[in-house]
Amino acid sequence: MSGRNGGCPLPEAWSAYVDRETAPGESLALRAHLESCPVCRLEVRAIQAGRKALRAAPVPAMPDDLRRTLEGMAARRYPAPPAASAAPWGLPAWVRFLLSPAVLAPAAASALLAALWLGRREPPRLELAAEPVELPMELVVSAHNRYALTLPLAPADELFSEPSAQLAGGSMEAGDVH
C-alpha cells in the first residue's frame, strides 16, 4: 500500500478494499486509516456509489453480428454430436435416464446402506439383577466421600466423617446394610 497525499493509500488500494480483495492485515490497516481520514472516506463512498450504479445499469443486448460470429466459432470448435438414433433397445428416454450410471450408482449405494442398516445386530441387553443387592453402609459412605471429593469446590461439611452419620432422618449404625 503505497502512499500519496501525506500517506493516503492509492485509489487502487481502496478499490480492492471495497471489493474485499485485500489481505486481512491490509484490510485492518486500511480500515484504521479510513477512520481518521475524511478524504479517503469520500473516495471510498464514491467507489461504492460507482459500483452500485454499475450494478443497477441495464445490461446492453449483444449485437446480432457478434452473436452469429461467436456461435459460428463455437460450432467450428465444438461440433454437435451426431443425432442420436431412436431410443436404443427401444426404450423411452425416461427409462434410459433411470438406467444411466448417474442414477444407478447412487441408488445401488443407497440400497446397500439400507440393507446393512436393517441387517445390523442389536447389542446384547444387560439384564438387571432380579433381587436387590445389599451393600454395607461403610462402603456406601466411602464411595460417597470419594465422589464428593472429585467435585469442584466440594464443601467439606457434606462429607460423612463417621459411619454413624444421620441419613434422611434415620440413623445409620455400623454394620447396617442398604
C-alpha atoms as a PDB file:
ATOM      1  CA  MET A   1       0.000   0.000   0.000  1.00  0.00           C
ATOM      2  CA  SER A   2       1.989   2.982  -1.265  1.00  0.00           C
ATOM      3  CA  GLY A   3       1.023   6.352  -0.009  1.00  0.00           C
ATOM      4  CA  ARG A   4       0.080   9.624  -1.620  1.00  0.00           C
ATOM      5  CA  ASN A   5      -1.148  12.949  -0.284  1.00  0.00           C
ATOM      6  CA  GLY A   6       0.649  12.638   3.020  1.00  0.00           C
ATOM      7  CA  GLY A   7       0.367   8.859   3.395  1.00  0.00           C
ATOM      8  CA  CYS A   8      -3.105   8.159   1.961  1.00  0.00           C
ATOM      9  CA  PRO A   9      -3.432   4.884   0.042  1.00  0.00           C
ATOM     10  CA  LEU A  10      -3.762   4.879  -3.749  1.00  0.00           C
ATOM     11  CA  PRO A  11      -7.225   4.571  -5.356  1.00  0.00           C
ATOM     12  CA  GLU A  12      -6.377   1.014  -6.453  1.00  0.00           C
ATOM     13  CA  ALA A  13      -5.996   0.022  -2.800  1.00  0.00           C
ATOM     14  CA  TRP A  14      -9.402   1.498  -1.962  1.00  0.00           C
ATOM     15  CA  SER A  15     -10.982  -0.270  -4.928  1.00  0.00           C
ATOM     16  CA  ALA A  16      -9.543  -3.588  -3.752  1.00  0.00           C
ATOM     17  CA  TYR A  17     -10.743  -2.801  -0.203  1.00  0.00           C
ATOM     18  CA  VAL A  18     -14.305  -2.126  -1.429  1.00  0.00           C
ATOM     19  CA  ASP A  19     -14.224  -5.363  -3.478  1.00  0.00           C
ATOM     20  CA  ARG A  20     -12.898  -7.290  -0.427  1.00  0.00           C
ATOM     21  CA  GLU A  21      -9.790  -8.349  -2.321  1.00  0.00           C
ATOM     22  CA  THR A  22      -7.237  -7.193   0.257  1.00  0.00           C
ATOM     23  CA  ALA A  23      -5.376  -9.410   2.684  1.00  0.00           C
ATOM     24  CA  PRO A  24      -6.681  -9.388   6.280  1.00  0.00           C
ATOM     25  CA  GLY A  25      -3.743  -7.358   7.594  1.00  0.00           C
ATOM     26  CA  GLU A  26      -4.026  -4.815   4.793  1.00  0.00           C
ATOM     27  CA  SER A  27      -7.793  -4.551   5.376  1.00  0.00           C
ATOM     28  CA  LEU A  28      -7.195  -3.706   9.030  1.00  0.00           C
ATOM     29  CA  ALA A  29      -4.653  -1.027   8.120  1.00  0.00           C
ATOM     30  CA  LEU A  30      -6.983   0.479   5.510  1.00  0.00           C
ATOM     31  CA  ARG A  31      -9.928   0.443   7.909  1.00  0.00           C
ATOM     32  CA  ALA A  32      -7.835   2.192  10.574  1.00  0.00           C
ATOM     33  CA  HIS A  33      -6.749   4.843   8.041  1.00  0.00           C
ATOM     34  CA  LEU A  34     -10.346   5.263   6.884  1.00  0.00           C
ATOM     35  CA  GLU A  35     -11.474   6.116  10.412  1.00  0.00           C
ATOM     36  CA  SER A  36      -9.044   9.021  10.612  1.00  0.00           C
ATOM     37  CA  CYS A  37      -9.102  10.391   7.043  1.00  0.00           C
ATOM     38  CA  PRO A  38     -12.221  12.193   5.706  1.00  0.00           C
ATOM     39  CA  VAL A  39     -10.713  12.499   2.192  1.00  0.00           C
ATOM     40  CA  CYS A  40     -10.299   8.733   1.889  1.00  0.00           C
ATOM     41  CA  ARG A  41     -13.796   8.168   3.319  1.00  0.00           C
ATOM     42  CA  LEU A  42     -15.177  10.307   0.470  1.00  0.00           C
ATOM     43  CA  GLU A  43     -13.132   8.334  -2.046  1.00  0.00           C
ATOM     44  CA  VAL A  44     -14.443   5.002  -0.701  1.00  0.00           C
ATOM     45  CA  ARG A  45     -18.032   6.309  -0.801  1.00  0.00           C
ATOM     46  CA  ALA A  46     -17.501   7.397  -4.424  1.00  0.00           C
ATOM     47  CA  ILE A  47     -16.176   3.935  -5.349  1.00  0.00           C
ATOM     48  CA  GLN A  48     -19.133   2.275  -3.602  1.00  0.00           C
ATOM     49  CA  ALA A  49     -21.597   4.587  -5.398  1.00  0.00           C
ATOM     50  CA  GLY A  50     -19.963   3.779  -8.744  1.00  0.00           C
ATOM     51  CA  ARG A  51     -20.225   0.036  -8.091  1.00  0.00           C
ATOM     52  CA  LYS A  52     -23.887   0.422  -7.117  1.00  0.00           C
ATOM     53  CA  ALA A  53     -24.645   2.431 -10.271  1.00  0.00           C
ATOM     54  CA  LEU A  54     -22.962  -0.199 -12.455  1.00  0.00           C
ATOM     55  CA  ARG A  55     -24.986  -2.991 -10.851  1.00  0.00           C
ATOM     56  CA  ALA A  56     -28.220  -1.034 -11.395  1.00  0.00           C
ATOM     57  CA  ALA A  57     -27.481  -0.197 -15.053  1.00  0.00           C
ATOM     58  CA  PRO A  58     -29.246  -2.319 -17.674  1.00  0.00           C
ATOM     59  CA  VAL A  59     -27.129  -4.894 -19.470  1.00  0.00           C
ATOM     60  CA  PRO A  60     -26.847  -3.974 -23.143  1.00  0.00           C
ATOM     61  CA  ALA A  61     -28.015  -6.545 -25.673  1.00  0.00           C
ATOM     62  CA  MET A  62     -25.368  -8.361 -27.686  1.00  0.00           C
ATOM     63  CA  PRO A  63     -25.280  -7.194 -31.309  1.00  0.00           C
ATOM     64  CA  ASP A  64     -26.632  -9.826 -33.733  1.00  0.00           C
ATOM     65  CA  ASP A  65     -23.471  -9.932 -35.854  1.00  0.00           C
ATOM     66  CA  LEU A  66     -21.304 -10.572 -32.768  1.00  0.00           C
ATOM     67  CA  ARG A  67     -23.693 -13.306 -31.580  1.00  0.00           C
ATOM     68  CA  ARG A  68     -23.607 -15.030 -35.003  1.00  0.00           C
ATOM     69  CA  THR A  69     -19.788 -14.797 -35.123  1.00  0.00           C
ATOM     70  CA  LEU A  70     -19.432 -16.338 -31.656  1.00  0.00           C
ATOM     71  CA  GLU A  71     -21.921 -19.099 -32.436  1.00  0.00           C
ATOM     72  CA  GLY A  72     -20.002 -19.919 -35.629  1.00  0.00           C
ATOM     73  CA  MET A  73     -16.705 -20.064 -33.735  1.00  0.00           C
ATOM     74  CA  ALA A  74     -18.247 -22.353 -31.123  1.00  0.00           C
ATOM     75  CA  ALA A  75     -19.769 -24.609 -33.779  1.00  0.00           C
ATOM     76  CA  ARG A  76     -16.393 -24.992 -35.524  1.00  0.00           C
ATOM     77  CA  ARG A  77     -14.562 -25.688 -32.293  1.00  0.00           C
ATOM     78  CA  TYR A  78     -17.232 -27.885 -30.681  1.00  0.00           C
ATOM     79  CA  PRO A  79     -19.196 -29.620 -33.432  1.00  0.00           C
ATOM     80  CA  ALA A  80     -22.592 -31.003 -32.463  1.00  0.00           C
ATOM     81  CA  PRO A  81     -22.624 -34.730 -31.777  1.00  0.00           C
ATOM     82  CA  PRO A  82     -24.346 -36.849 -34.382  1.00  0.00           C
ATOM     83  CA  ALA A  83     -28.058 -37.128 -33.834  1.00  0.00           C
ATOM     84  CA  ALA A  84     -28.874 -39.981 -31.521  1.00  0.00           C
ATOM     85  CA  SER A  85     -30.653 -42.851 -33.116  1.00  0.00           C
ATOM     86  CA  ALA A  86     -34.113 -43.715 -31.972  1.00  0.00           C
ATOM     87  CA  ALA A  87     -34.071 -44.973 -28.429  1.00  0.00           C
ATOM     88  CA  PRO A  88     -31.573 -47.830 -28.082  1.00  0.00           C
ATOM     89  CA  TRP A  89     -33.181 -51.124 -27.170  1.00  0.00           C
ATOM     90  CA  GLY A  90     -36.482 -49.464 -27.999  1.00  0.00           C
ATOM     91  CA  LEU A  91     -36.686 -47.894 -24.514  1.00  0.00           C
ATOM     92  CA  PRO A  92     -38.241 -44.495 -23.822  1.00  0.00           C
ATOM     93  CA  ALA A  93     -35.906 -41.684 -22.766  1.00  0.00           C
ATOM     94  CA  TRP A  94     -37.084 -41.686 -19.133  1.00  0.00           C
ATOM     95  CA  VAL A  95     -36.210 -45.391 -18.778  1.00  0.00           C
ATOM     96  CA  ARG A  96     -32.769 -44.808 -20.298  1.00  0.00           C
ATOM     97  CA  PHE A  97     -32.271 -41.979 -17.800  1.00  0.00           C
ATOM     98  CA  LEU A  98     -33.174 -44.259 -14.898  1.00  0.00           C
ATOM     99  CA  LEU A  99     -30.745 -46.887 -16.193  1.00  0.00           C
ATOM    100  CA  SER A 100     -27.886 -44.398 -16.555  1.00  0.00           C
ATOM    101  CA  PRO A 101     -24.867 -44.735 -14.223  1.00  0.00           C
ATOM    102  CA  ALA A 102     -25.632 -41.311 -12.754  1.00  0.00           C
ATOM    103  CA  VAL A 103     -28.881 -42.717 -11.344  1.00  0.00           C
ATOM    104  CA  LEU A 104     -27.999 -46.384 -10.810  1.00  0.00           C
ATOM    105  CA  ALA A 105     -24.807 -45.838  -8.785  1.00  0.00           C
ATOM    106  CA  PRO A 106     -26.412 -43.706  -6.020  1.00  0.00           C
ATOM    107  CA  ALA A 107     -29.478 -45.994  -5.988  1.00  0.00           C
ATOM    108  CA  ALA A 108     -27.298 -49.092  -5.557  1.00  0.00           C
ATOM    109  CA  ALA A 109     -25.267 -47.401  -2.814  1.00  0.00           C
ATOM    110  CA  SER A 110     -28.466 -46.385  -1.008  1.00  0.00           C
ATOM    111  CA  ALA A 111     -29.865 -49.918  -1.261  1.00  0.00           C
ATOM    112  CA  LEU A 112     -26.622 -51.361   0.124  1.00  0.00           C
ATOM    113  CA  LEU A 113     -26.615 -48.939   3.059  1.00  0.00           C
ATOM    114  CA  ALA A 114     -30.277 -49.695   3.788  1.00  0.00           C
ATOM    115  CA  ALA A 115     -29.568 -53.444   3.759  1.00  0.00           C
ATOM    116  CA  LEU A 116     -26.615 -53.000   6.100  1.00  0.00           C
ATOM    117  CA  TRP A 117     -28.644 -50.783   8.431  1.00  0.00           C
ATOM    118  CA  LEU A 118     -31.645 -53.106   8.547  1.00  0.00           C
ATOM    119  CA  GLY A 119     -29.490 -56.225   8.969  1.00  0.00           C
ATOM    120  CA  ARG A 120     -27.441 -54.930  11.865  1.00  0.00           C
ATOM    121  CA  ARG A 121     -27.478 -56.829  15.136  1.00  0.00           C
ATOM    122  CA  GLU A 122     -28.612 -55.187  18.305  1.00  0.00           C
ATOM    123  CA  PRO A 123     -26.035 -55.173  21.108  1.00  0.00           C
ATOM    124  CA  PRO A 124     -26.838 -57.606  23.895  1.00  0.00           C
ATOM    125  CA  ARG A 125     -29.038 -56.104  26.557  1.00  0.00           C
ATOM    126  CA  LEU A 126     -27.800 -56.075  30.121  1.00  0.00           C
ATOM    127  CA  GLU A 127     -30.098 -57.891  32.474  1.00  0.00           C
ATOM    128  CA  LEU A 128     -30.616 -56.272  35.849  1.00  0.00           C
ATOM    129  CA  ALA A 129     -30.408 -58.395  38.956  1.00  0.00           C
ATOM    130  CA  ALA A 130     -33.805 -59.776  39.941  1.00  0.00           C
ATOM    131  CA  GLU A 131     -33.128 -59.191  43.620  1.00  0.00           C
ATOM    132  CA  PRO A 132     -31.820 -56.014  45.241  1.00  0.00           C
ATOM    133  CA  VAL A 133     -28.154 -56.122  46.212  1.00  0.00           C
ATOM    134  CA  GLU A 134     -27.373 -55.264  49.811  1.00  0.00           C
ATOM    135  CA  LEU A 135     -24.305 -53.107  50.376  1.00  0.00           C
ATOM    136  CA  PRO A 136     -22.642 -52.416  53.724  1.00  0.00           C
ATOM    137  CA  MET A 137     -23.236 -48.791  54.764  1.00  0.00           C
ATOM    138  CA  GLU A 138     -19.477 -48.215  55.285  1.00  0.00           C
ATOM    139  CA  LEU A 139     -18.953 -48.993  51.585  1.00  0.00           C
ATOM    140  CA  VAL A 140     -21.735 -46.564  50.518  1.00  0.00           C
ATOM    141  CA  VAL A 141     -20.351 -43.751  52.722  1.00  0.00           C
ATOM    142  CA  SER A 142     -16.809 -44.351  51.493  1.00  0.00           C
ATOM    143  CA  ALA A 143     -17.944 -44.245  47.842  1.00  0.00           C
ATOM    144  CA  HIS A 144     -19.907 -41.038  48.501  1.00  0.00           C
ATOM    145  CA  ASN A 145     -16.896 -39.364  50.109  1.00  0.00           C
ATOM    146  CA  ARG A 146     -14.586 -40.342  47.225  1.00  0.00           C
ATOM    147  CA  TYR A 147     -17.113 -38.985  44.701  1.00  0.00           C
ATOM    148  CA  ALA A 148     -17.726 -35.772  46.642  1.00  0.00           C
ATOM    149  CA  LEU A 149     -14.010 -35.035  46.717  1.00  0.00           C
ATOM    150  CA  THR A 150     -13.880 -35.105  42.895  1.00  0.00           C
ATOM    151  CA  LEU A 151     -16.417 -32.273  42.601  1.00  0.00           C
ATOM    152  CA  PRO A 152     -15.010 -28.779  42.156  1.00  0.00           C
ATOM    153  CA  LEU A 153     -15.251 -26.767  45.339  1.00  0.00           C
ATOM    154  CA  ALA A 154     -16.786 -29.681  47.238  1.00  0.00           C
ATOM    155  CA  PRO A 155     -17.970 -28.462  50.651  1.00  0.00           C
ATOM    156  CA  ALA A 156     -16.137 -30.396  53.326  1.00  0.00           C
ATOM    157  CA  ASP A 157     -19.179 -30.323  55.628  1.00  0.00           C
ATOM    158  CA  GLU A 158     -21.073 -32.646  53.245  1.00  0.00           C
ATOM    159  CA  LEU A 159     -18.520 -35.407  53.680  1.00  0.00           C
ATOM    160  CA  PHE A 160     -19.562 -38.102  56.116  1.00  0.00           C
ATOM    161  CA  SER A 161     -16.882 -38.329  58.744  1.00  0.00           C
ATOM    162  CA  GLU A 162     -18.052 -41.429  60.517  1.00  0.00           C
ATOM    163  CA  PRO A 163     -20.398 -44.290  59.813  1.00  0.00           C
ATOM    164  CA  SER A 164     -22.918 -43.101  62.406  1.00  0.00           C
ATOM    165  CA  ALA A 165     -23.924 -40.011  60.340  1.00  0.00           C
ATOM    166  CA  GLN A 166     -27.611 -39.199  60.022  1.00  0.00           C
ATOM    167  CA  LEU A 167     -29.192 -40.058  56.664  1.00  0.00           C
ATOM    168  CA  ALA A 168     -32.682 -38.942  55.605  1.00  0.00           C
ATOM    169  CA  GLY A 169     -33.989 -38.670  59.120  1.00  0.00           C
ATOM    170  CA  GLY A 170     -32.793 -42.121  60.205  1.00  0.00           C
ATOM    171  CA  SER A 171     -29.647 -43.263  61.836  1.00  0.00           C
ATOM    172  CA  MET A 172     -27.008 -45.492  60.444  1.00  0.00           C
ATOM    173  CA  GLU A 173     -25.322 -47.960  62.653  1.00  0.00           C
ATOM    174  CA  ALA A 174     -22.059 -49.695  61.868  1.00  0.00           C
ATOM    175  CA  GLY A 175     -22.990 -52.933  60.178  1.00  0.00           C
ATOM    176  CA  ASP A 176     -26.261 -51.637  58.623  1.00  0.00           C
ATOM    177  CA  VAL A 177     -26.808 -52.691  55.056  1.00  0.00           C
ATOM    178  CA  HIS A 178     -28.835 -50.878  52.408  1.00  0.00           C
END
